[in-house]
Amino acid sequence: MRGQRCCVMSWRDLVYMLLVVVGIVLFLYVANYYNPVVGWAGVGMIFAGFVAEVIQKIYAFVSKRKGV
């Protein structure tokens, strides 16, 4: 068990997760108190985080399958 880490995340996964979290905060908090346009930017960030994660997983699957 020595040398193995239980929860390893790549830096890309961490960036996508933080993008979604910041988007949720912008949507829920900032849009209600400051500016609704910022809330819509938060919705866009949430969507972009999920789409980027899916594209990365598809690319990894296809490149692994082709042997590239």
Protein backbone atom coordinates (compact mmCIF):
# COMPACT_ATOMS: atom_id res chain seq x y z
CA MET A 1 0.00 0.00 0.00
CA ARG A 2 3.00 2.21 0.31
CA GLY A 3 3.46 4.57 -2.61
CA GLN A 4 -0.19 4.51 -3.66
CA ARG A 5 -2.36 7.55 -3.27
CA CYS A 6 -6.08 7.05 -2.83
CA CYS A 7 -7.48 10.19 -4.43
CA VAL A 8 -5.42 11.27 -7.41
CA MET A 9 -6.85 13.99 -9.64
CA SER A 10 -5.22 15.39 -12.72
CA TRP A 11 -4.81 19.13 -12.89
CA ARG A 12 -7.38 19.24 -15.71
CA ASP A 13 -10.00 17.51 -13.58
CA LEU A 14 -9.30 19.95 -10.76
CA VAL A 15 -9.66 22.95 -13.09
CA TYR A 16 -12.96 21.66 -14.48
CA MET A 17 -14.28 21.02 -10.98
CA LEU A 18 -13.27 24.50 -9.83
CA LEU A 19 -14.89 25.99 -12.93
CA VAL A 20 -18.18 24.32 -12.04
CA VAL A 21 -17.95 25.36 -8.38
CA VAL A 22 -17.21 29.00 -9.24
CA GLY A 23 -20.08 28.92 -11.74
CA ILE A 24 -22.46 27.65 -9.06
CA VAL A 25 -21.35 30.38 -6.65
CA LEU A 26 -21.79 33.05 -9.31
CA PHE A 27 -25.20 31.73 -10.23
CA LEU A 28 -26.57 31.31 -6.71
CA TYR A 29 -25.00 34.18 -4.78
CA VAL A 30 -23.76 36.94 -7.03
CA ALA A 31 -26.77 36.95 -9.35
CA ASN A 32 -29.16 37.56 -6.47
CA TYR A 33 -27.21 40.41 -4.89
CA TYR A 34 -25.25 42.16 -7.63
CA ASN A 35 -25.97 41.59 -11.30
CA PRO A 36 -28.07 39.01 -13.15
CA VAL A 37 -25.64 39.03 -16.09
CA VAL A 38 -22.98 37.61 -13.80
CA GLY A 39 -25.45 34.86 -12.85
CA TRP A 40 -25.82 33.92 -16.51
CA ALA A 41 -22.03 33.88 -16.79
CA GLY A 42 -22.09 31.40 -13.89
CA VAL A 43 -24.53 29.20 -15.79
CA GLY A 44 -22.19 29.33 -18.78
CA MET A 45 -19.24 28.36 -16.59
CA ILE A 46 -21.15 25.39 -15.18
CA PHE A 47 -22.05 24.24 -18.68
CA ALA A 48 -18.50 24.80 -19.95
CA GLY A 49 -17.01 22.79 -17.10
CA PHE A 50 -19.23 19.79 -17.79
CA VAL A 51 -18.72 19.97 -21.56
CA ALA A 52 -14.93 20.25 -21.21
CA GLU A 53 -14.86 17.23 -18.90
CA VAL A 54 -16.93 15.14 -21.31
CA ILE A 55 -14.77 16.15 -24.29
CA GLN A 56 -11.63 15.23 -22.36
CA LYS A 57 -13.03 11.80 -21.44
CA ILE A 58 -14.11 11.12 -25.04
CA TYR A 59 -10.69 12.17 -26.37
CA ALA A 60 -8.91 9.94 -23.86
CA PHE A 61 -11.13 6.99 -24.81
CA VAL A 62 -10.66 7.49 -28.55
CA SER A 63 -6.89 8.02 -28.33
CA LYS A 64 -6.52 4.95 -26.11
CA ARG A 65 -8.55 2.92 -28.57
CA LYS A 66 -6.51 4.05 -31.60
CA GLY A 67 -3.23 3.55 -29.76
CA VAL A 68 -2.07 7.11 -30.36
